[in-house]
PDB file of N, CA and C in Angstrom:
ATOM      1  N   MET A   1     -24.406  66.020  42.534  1.00  0.00           N
ATOM      2  CA  MET A   1     -23.628  65.659  41.241  1.00  0.00           C
ATOM      3  C   MET A   1     -24.250  66.113  40.000  1.00  0.00           C
ATOM      4  N   SER A   2     -23.434  66.629  39.165  1.00  0.00           N
ATOM      5  CA  SER A   2     -23.822  67.176  37.794  1.00  0.00           C
ATOM      6  C   SER A   2     -23.061  66.468  36.655  1.00  0.00           C
ATOM      7  N   HIS A   3     -23.415  66.558  35.499  1.00  0.00           N
ATOM      8  CA  HIS A   3     -22.609  66.060  34.437  1.00  0.00           C
ATOM      9  C   HIS A   3     -22.947  66.884  33.240  1.00  0.00           C
ATOM     10  N   ALA A   4     -21.965  67.432  32.557  1.00  0.00           N
ATOM     11  CA  ALA A   4     -22.046  68.290  31.374  1.00  0.00           C
ATOM     12  C   ALA A   4     -22.544  67.304  30.309  1.00  0.00           C
ATOM     13  N   LEU A   5     -23.602  68.006  29.497  1.00  0.00           N
ATOM     14  CA  LEU A   5     -24.087  67.279  28.311  1.00  0.00           C
ATOM     15  C   LEU A   5     -23.644  67.683  27.093  1.00  0.00           C
ATOM     16  N   GLY A   6     -22.797  68.593  27.115  1.00  0.00           N
ATOM     17  CA  GLY A   6     -22.139  69.049  26.045  1.00  0.00           C
ATOM     18  C   GLY A   6     -22.266  70.582  25.877  1.00  0.00           C
ATOM     19  N   GLN A   7     -21.967  71.075  24.727  1.00  0.00           N
ATOM     20  CA  GLN A   7     -22.096  72.498  24.684  1.00  0.00           C
ATOM     21  C   GLN A   7     -23.044  72.678  23.193  1.00  0.00           C
ATOM     22  N   ARG A   8     -23.700  73.972  23.447  1.00  0.00           N
ATOM     23  CA  ARG A   8     -24.634  74.203  22.292  1.00  0.00           C
ATOM     24  C   ARG A   8     -24.106  75.586  21.734  1.00  0.00           C
ATOM     25  N   ARG A   9     -24.189  75.593  20.563  1.00  0.00           N
ATOM     26  CA  ARG A   9     -23.454  76.793  19.755  1.00  0.00           C
ATOM     27  C   ARG A   9     -24.626  77.809  19.129  1.00  0.00           C
ATOM     28  N   PHE A  10     -24.722  78.931  19.403  1.00  0.00           N
ATOM     29  CA  PHE A  10     -25.778  79.924  18.875  1.00  0.00           C
ATOM     30  C   PHE A  10     -25.195  80.928  18.188  1.00  0.00           C
ATOM     31  N   ILE A  11     -25.862  81.493  17.297  1.00  0.00           N
ATOM     32  CA  ILE A  11     -25.456  82.982  16.914  1.00  0.00           C
ATOM     33  C   ILE A  11     -26.081  84.119  17.662  1.00  0.00           C
ATOM     34  N   LEU A  12     -25.115  85.015  18.203  1.00  0.00           N
ATOM     35  CA  LEU A  12     -25.693  86.177  18.837  1.00  0.00           C
ATOM     36  C   LEU A  12     -25.476  87.262  18.018  1.00  0.00           C
ATOM     37  N   VAL A  13     -26.464  87.918  17.582  1.00  0.00           N
ATOM     38  CA  VAL A  13     -26.492  89.212  16.549  1.00  0.00           C
ATOM     39  C   VAL A  13     -26.487  90.197  17.555  1.00  0.00           C
ATOM     40  N   VAL A  14     -25.275  91.130  17.404  1.00  0.00           N
ATOM     41  CA  VAL A  14     -25.279  92.272  18.250  1.00  0.00           C
ATOM     42  C   VAL A  14     -24.975  93.496  17.420  1.00  0.00           C
ATOM     43  N   PRO A  15     -25.270  94.843  17.952  1.00  0.00           N
ATOM     44  CA  PRO A  15     -25.113  95.927  17.106  1.00  0.00           C
ATOM     45  C   PRO A  15     -23.576  96.348  17.401  1.00  0.00           C
ATOM     46  N   PRO A  16     -23.091  97.111  16.218  1.00  0.00           N
ATOM     47  CA  PRO A  16     -21.694  97.380  16.351  1.00  0.00           C
ATOM     48  C   PRO A  16     -21.562  98.365  17.675  1.00  0.00           C
ATOM     49  N   GLY A  17     -20.453  98.357  18.368  1.00  0.00           N
ATOM     50  CA  GLY A  17     -20.249  99.074  19.659  1.00  0.00           C
ATOM     51  C   GLY A  17     -21.004  98.621  20.722  1.00  0.00           C
ATOM     52  N   GLY A  18     -21.895  97.507  20.661  1.00  0.00           N
ATOM     53  CA  GLY A  18     -22.766  96.996  21.652  1.00  0.00           C
ATOM     54  C   GLY A  18     -21.592  96.169  22.658  1.00  0.00           C
ATOM     55  N   PRO A  19     -22.294  95.684  23.906  1.00  0.00           N
ATOM     56  CA  PRO A  19     -21.285  95.048  24.798  1.00  0.00           C
ATOM     57  C   PRO A  19     -20.671  93.805  24.572  1.00  0.00           C
ATOM     58  N   PHE A  20     -21.236  93.183  23.249  1.00  0.00           N
ATOM     59  CA  PHE A  20     -20.678  92.027  22.770  1.00  0.00           C
ATOM     60  C   PHE A  20     -20.026  92.074  21.277  1.00  0.00           C
ATOM     61  N   ALA A  21     -19.865  93.277  20.897  1.00  0.00           N
ATOM     62  CA  ALA A  21     -19.310  93.526  19.663  1.00  0.00           C
ATOM     63  C   ALA A  21     -17.840  93.086  19.540  1.00  0.00           C
ATOM     64  N   ASP A  22     -17.106  92.517  18.535  1.00  0.00           N
ATOM     65  CA  ASP A  22     -16.014  92.190  18.547  1.00  0.00           C
ATOM     66  C   ASP A  22     -15.479  90.883  19.413  1.00  0.00           C
ATOM     67  N   ARG A  23     -16.448  90.271  19.835  1.00  0.00           N
ATOM     68  CA  ARG A  23     -16.152  89.020  20.899  1.00  0.00           C
ATOM     69  C   ARG A  23     -16.318  87.802  20.008  1.00  0.00           C
ATOM     70  N   PRO A  24     -15.445  87.003  20.120  1.00  0.00           N
ATOM     71  CA  PRO A  24     -15.888  85.567  19.506  1.00  0.00           C
ATOM     72  C   PRO A  24     -16.791  84.779  20.329  1.00  0.00           C
ATOM     73  N   VAL A  25     -16.707  84.932  21.632  1.00  0.00           N
ATOM     74  CA  VAL A  25     -17.521  83.953  22.286  1.00  0.00           C
ATOM     75  C   VAL A  25     -18.033  84.655  23.706  1.00  0.00           C
ATOM     76  N   VAL A  26     -19.437  84.586  23.830  1.00  0.00           N
ATOM     77  CA  VAL A  26     -20.252  84.963  24.891  1.00  0.00           C
ATOM     78  C   VAL A  26     -20.705  83.969  25.801  1.00  0.00           C
ATOM     79  N   GLU A  27     -20.479  83.989  27.231  1.00  0.00           N
ATOM     80  CA  GLU A  27     -20.957  82.970  28.098  1.00  0.00           C
ATOM     81  C   GLU A  27     -22.393  83.186  28.292  1.00  0.00           C
ATOM     82  N   CYS A  28     -23.148  82.041  28.591  1.00  0.00           N
ATOM     83  CA  CYS A  28     -24.596  82.271  28.759  1.00  0.00           C
ATOM     84  C   CYS A  28     -24.742  83.189  29.861  1.00  0.00           C
ATOM     85  N   ARG A  29     -24.142  83.335  30.988  1.00  0.00           N
ATOM     86  CA  ARG A  29     -24.529  84.183  32.185  1.00  0.00           C
ATOM     87  C   ARG A  29     -24.240  85.567  31.832  1.00  0.00           C
ATOM     88  N   GLU A  30     -23.537  85.976  30.785  1.00  0.00           N
ATOM     89  CA  GLU A  30     -23.341  87.238  30.509  1.00  0.00           C
ATOM     90  C   GLU A  30     -24.636  87.883  29.645  1.00  0.00           C
ATOM     91  N   LEU A  31     -25.637  87.073  29.324  1.00  0.00           N
ATOM     92  CA  LEU A  31     -26.729  87.479  28.677  1.00  0.00           C
ATOM     93  C   LEU A  31     -27.776  88.022  29.696  1.00  0.00           C
ATOM     94  N   ALA A  32     -27.358  87.927  30.942  1.00  0.00           N
ATOM     95  CA  ALA A  32     -28.425  88.347  32.043  1.00  0.00           C
ATOM     96  C   ALA A  32     -28.276  89.667  32.036  1.00  0.00           C
ATOM     97  N   GLY A  33     -29.711  90.325  31.981  1.00  0.00           N
ATOM     98  CA  GLY A  33     -29.904  91.968  32.102  1.00  0.00           C
ATOM     99  C   GLY A  33     -30.158  92.338  30.641  1.00  0.00           C
ATOM    100  N   GLN A  34     -29.810  91.534  29.612  1.00  0.00           N
ATOM    101  CA  GLN A  34     -29.854  91.895  28.059  1.00  0.00           C
ATOM    102  C   GLN A  34     -31.270  91.786  27.900  1.00  0.00           C
ATOM    103  N   ARG A  35     -31.682  92.387  26.512  1.00  0.00           N
ATOM    104  CA  ARG A  35     -32.876  92.281  25.850  1.00  0.00           C
ATOM    105  C   ARG A  35     -32.626  91.369  24.663  1.00  0.00           C
ATOM    106  N   LEU A  36     -33.389  90.235  24.659  1.00  0.00           N
ATOM    107  CA  LEU A  36     -33.195  89.205  23.434  1.00  0.00           C
ATOM    108  C   LEU A  36     -34.281  89.092  22.482  1.00  0.00           C
ATOM    109  N   ILE A  37     -34.064  88.826  21.246  1.00  0.00           N
ATOM    110  CA  ILE A  37     -34.985  88.321  20.345  1.00  0.00           C
ATOM    111  C   ILE A  37     -34.819  86.767  20.332  1.00  0.00           C
ATOM    112  N   VAL A  38     -35.888  86.167  20.636  1.00  0.00           N
ATOM    113  CA  VAL A  38     -35.750  84.794  20.731  1.00  0.00           C
ATOM    114  C   VAL A  38     -36.916  83.996  19.800  1.00  0.00           C
ATOM    115  N   GLY A  39     -36.723  82.626  19.405  1.00  0.00           N
ATOM    116  CA  GLY A  39     -37.646  81.856  18.927  1.00  0.00           C
ATOM    117  C   GLY A  39     -38.740  81.617  19.390  1.00  0.00           C
ATOM    118  N   GLN A  40     -39.817  81.488  18.786  1.00  0.00           N
ATOM    119  CA  GLN A  40     -41.097  81.039  19.279  1.00  0.00           C
ATOM    120  C   GLN A  40     -41.311  79.818  20.248  1.00  0.00           C
ATOM    121  N   ARG A  41     -41.987  80.029  20.885  1.00  0.00           N
ATOM    122  CA  ARG A  41     -42.274  78.772  22.005  1.00  0.00           C
ATOM    123  C   ARG A  41     -42.549  77.406  21.054  1.00  0.00           C
ATOM    124  N   GLY A  42     -42.110  76.321  21.627  1.00  0.00           N
ATOM    125  CA  GLY A  42     -42.219  74.958  20.940  1.00  0.00           C
ATOM    126  C   GLY A  42     -41.143  74.640  20.075  1.00  0.00           C
ATOM    127  N   THR A  43     -40.140  75.495  19.963  1.00  0.00           N
ATOM    128  CA  THR A  43     -38.886  75.394  19.341  1.00  0.00           C
ATOM    129  C   THR A  43     -37.681  74.894  20.166  1.00  0.00           C
ATOM    130  N   GLY A  44     -36.831  74.182  19.521  1.00  0.00           N
ATOM    131  CA  GLY A  44     -35.508  73.804  20.342  1.00  0.00           C
ATOM    132  C   GLY A  44     -34.726  74.955  20.817  1.00  0.00           C
ATOM    133  N   THR A  45     -34.539  75.956  20.038  1.00  0.00           N
ATOM    134  CA  THR A  45     -33.822  77.118  20.323  1.00  0.00           C
ATOM    135  C   THR A  45     -34.777  77.982  21.598  1.00  0.00           C
ATOM    136  N   ARG A  46     -35.928  78.060  21.497  1.00  0.00           N
ATOM    137  CA  ARG A  46     -36.575  78.648  22.712  1.00  0.00           C
ATOM    138  C   ARG A  46     -36.632  78.016  23.820  1.00  0.00           C
ATOM    139  N   ALA A  47     -36.626  76.686  23.888  1.00  0.00           N
ATOM    140  CA  ALA A  47     -36.447  75.626  24.904  1.00  0.00           C
ATOM    141  C   ALA A  47     -35.243  75.966  25.745  1.00  0.00           C
ATOM    142  N   TYR A  48     -34.059  75.948  24.881  1.00  0.00           N
ATOM    143  CA  TYR A  48     -32.748  76.295  25.574  1.00  0.00           C
ATOM    144  C   TYR A  48     -32.853  77.604  26.115  1.00  0.00           C
ATOM    145  N   VAL A  49     -33.137  78.700  25.481  1.00  0.00           N
ATOM    146  CA  VAL A  49     -33.293  80.094  26.261  1.00  0.00           C
ATOM    147  C   VAL A  49     -34.082  80.013  27.463  1.00  0.00           C
ATOM    148  N   ASP A  50     -35.099  79.435  27.354  1.00  0.00           N
ATOM    149  CA  ASP A  50     -36.101  79.459  28.514  1.00  0.00           C
ATOM    150  C   ASP A  50     -35.332  78.588  29.554  1.00  0.00           C
ATOM    151  N   ALA A  51     -34.765  77.547  29.354  1.00  0.00           N
ATOM    152  CA  ALA A  51     -34.118  76.696  30.439  1.00  0.00           C
ATOM    153  C   ALA A  51     -32.914  77.734  30.982  1.00  0.00           C
ATOM    154  N   LEU A  52     -32.334  78.563  30.419  1.00  0.00           N
ATOM    155  CA  LEU A  52     -31.266  79.645  30.919  1.00  0.00           C
ATOM    156  C   LEU A  52     -31.927  80.392  31.862  1.00  0.00           C
ATOM    157  N   TYR A  53     -33.083  80.976  31.474  1.00  0.00           N
ATOM    158  CA  TYR A  53     -33.826  81.925  32.431  1.00  0.00           C
ATOM    159  C   TYR A  53     -34.397  81.119  33.724  1.00  0.00           C
ATOM    160  N   GLU A  54     -34.697  79.930  33.453  1.00  0.00           N
ATOM    161  CA  GLU A  54     -35.208  79.151  34.579  1.00  0.00           C
ATOM    162  C   GLU A  54     -33.927  78.849  35.637  1.00  0.00           C
ATOM    163  N   GLN A  55     -32.972  78.728  35.084  1.00  0.00           N
ATOM    164  CA  GLN A  55     -31.618  78.426  35.627  1.00  0.00           C
ATOM    165  C   GLN A  55     -31.107  79.729  36.277  1.00  0.00           C
ATOM    166  N   GLY A  56     -31.820  80.716  36.181  1.00  0.00           N
ATOM    167  CA  GLY A  56     -31.221  82.178  36.919  1.00  0.00           C
ATOM    168  C   GLY A  56     -30.612  83.221  35.932  1.00  0.00           C
ATOM    169  N   THR A  57     -30.450  82.823  34.647  1.00  0.00           N
ATOM    170  CA  THR A  57     -30.011  84.044  33.722  1.00  0.00           C
ATOM    171  C   THR A  57     -31.062  84.846  33.196  1.00  0.00           C
ATOM    172  N   ARG A  58     -31.243  86.042  33.943  1.00  0.00           N
ATOM    173  CA  ARG A  58     -32.492  86.632  33.871  1.00  0.00           C
ATOM    174  C   ARG A  58     -32.416  87.810  32.629  1.00  0.00           C
ATOM    175  N   PHE A  59     -33.157  87.456  31.656  1.00  0.00           N
ATOM    176  CA  PHE A  59     -32.848  88.626  30.529  1.00  0.00           C
ATOM    177  C   PHE A  59     -34.448  89.061  30.298  1.00  0.00           C
ATOM    178  N   THR A  60     -34.690  90.019  29.263  1.00  0.00           N
ATOM    179  CA  THR A  60     -35.925  90.422  28.786  1.00  0.00           C
ATOM    180  C   THR A  60     -35.996  89.728  27.484  1.00  0.00           C
ATOM    181  N   VAL A  61     -37.283  89.399  26.970  1.00  0.00           N
ATOM    182  CA  VAL A  61     -37.593  88.992  25.852  1.00  0.00           C
ATOM    183  C   VAL A  61     -38.034  90.226  25.225  1.00  0.00           C
ATOM    184  N   ALA A  62     -37.294  90.590  24.117  1.00  0.00           N
ATOM    185  CA  ALA A  62     -37.987  91.925  23.372  1.00  0.00           C
ATOM    186  C   ALA A  62     -38.658  91.700  22.283  1.00  0.00           C
ATOM    187  N   ALA A  63     -38.451  90.364  21.750  1.00  0.00           N
ATOM    188  CA  ALA A  63     -39.261  90.180  20.458  1.00  0.00           C
ATOM    189  C   ALA A  63     -39.342  88.800  20.376  1.00  0.00           C
ATOM    190  N   GLU A  64     -40.206  88.146  19.706  1.00  0.00           N
ATOM    191  CA  GLU A  64     -40.342  86.729  19.588  1.00  0.00           C
ATOM    192  C   GLU A  64     -40.515  86.316  18.022  1.00  0.00           C
ATOM    193  N   THR A  65     -39.753  85.505  17.299  1.00  0.00           N
ATOM    194  CA  THR A  65     -39.636  85.391  15.969  1.00  0.00           C
ATOM    195  C   THR A  65     -40.396  84.244  15.714  1.00  0.00           C
ATOM    196  N   GLY A  66     -41.074  84.054  14.347  1.00  0.00           N
ATOM    197  CA  GLY A  66     -41.629  82.698  13.857  1.00  0.00           C
ATOM    198  C   GLY A  66     -40.656  82.023  13.205  1.00  0.00           C
ATOM    199  N   THR A  67     -41.158  80.857  12.651  1.00  0.00           N
ATOM    200  CA  THR A  67     -40.381  79.868  12.115  1.00  0.00           C
ATOM    201  C   THR A  67     -40.368  80.035  10.852  1.00  0.00           C
ATOM    202  N   GLY A  68     -41.199  80.751  10.096  1.00  0.00           N
ATOM    203  CA  GLY A  68     -41.199  80.792   8.564  1.00  0.00           C
ATOM    204  C   GLY A  68     -41.510  82.063   7.898  1.00  0.00           C
TER     205      GLY A  68
END
């Protein structure tokens, strides 16, 4: 049994003409196979994308950003 705990909204920055350009919504599973720039470990955003990866959404971390 599972229960949805809600939704999280993040901003996905993409290049013009990229696979997600001109789309208002992208499902998490669609990030599979993509190269992502993610927050540094220890942040809530990074914990979220790490959980996506652990649940089977396989992507490549292209770069990691700092907090400040």
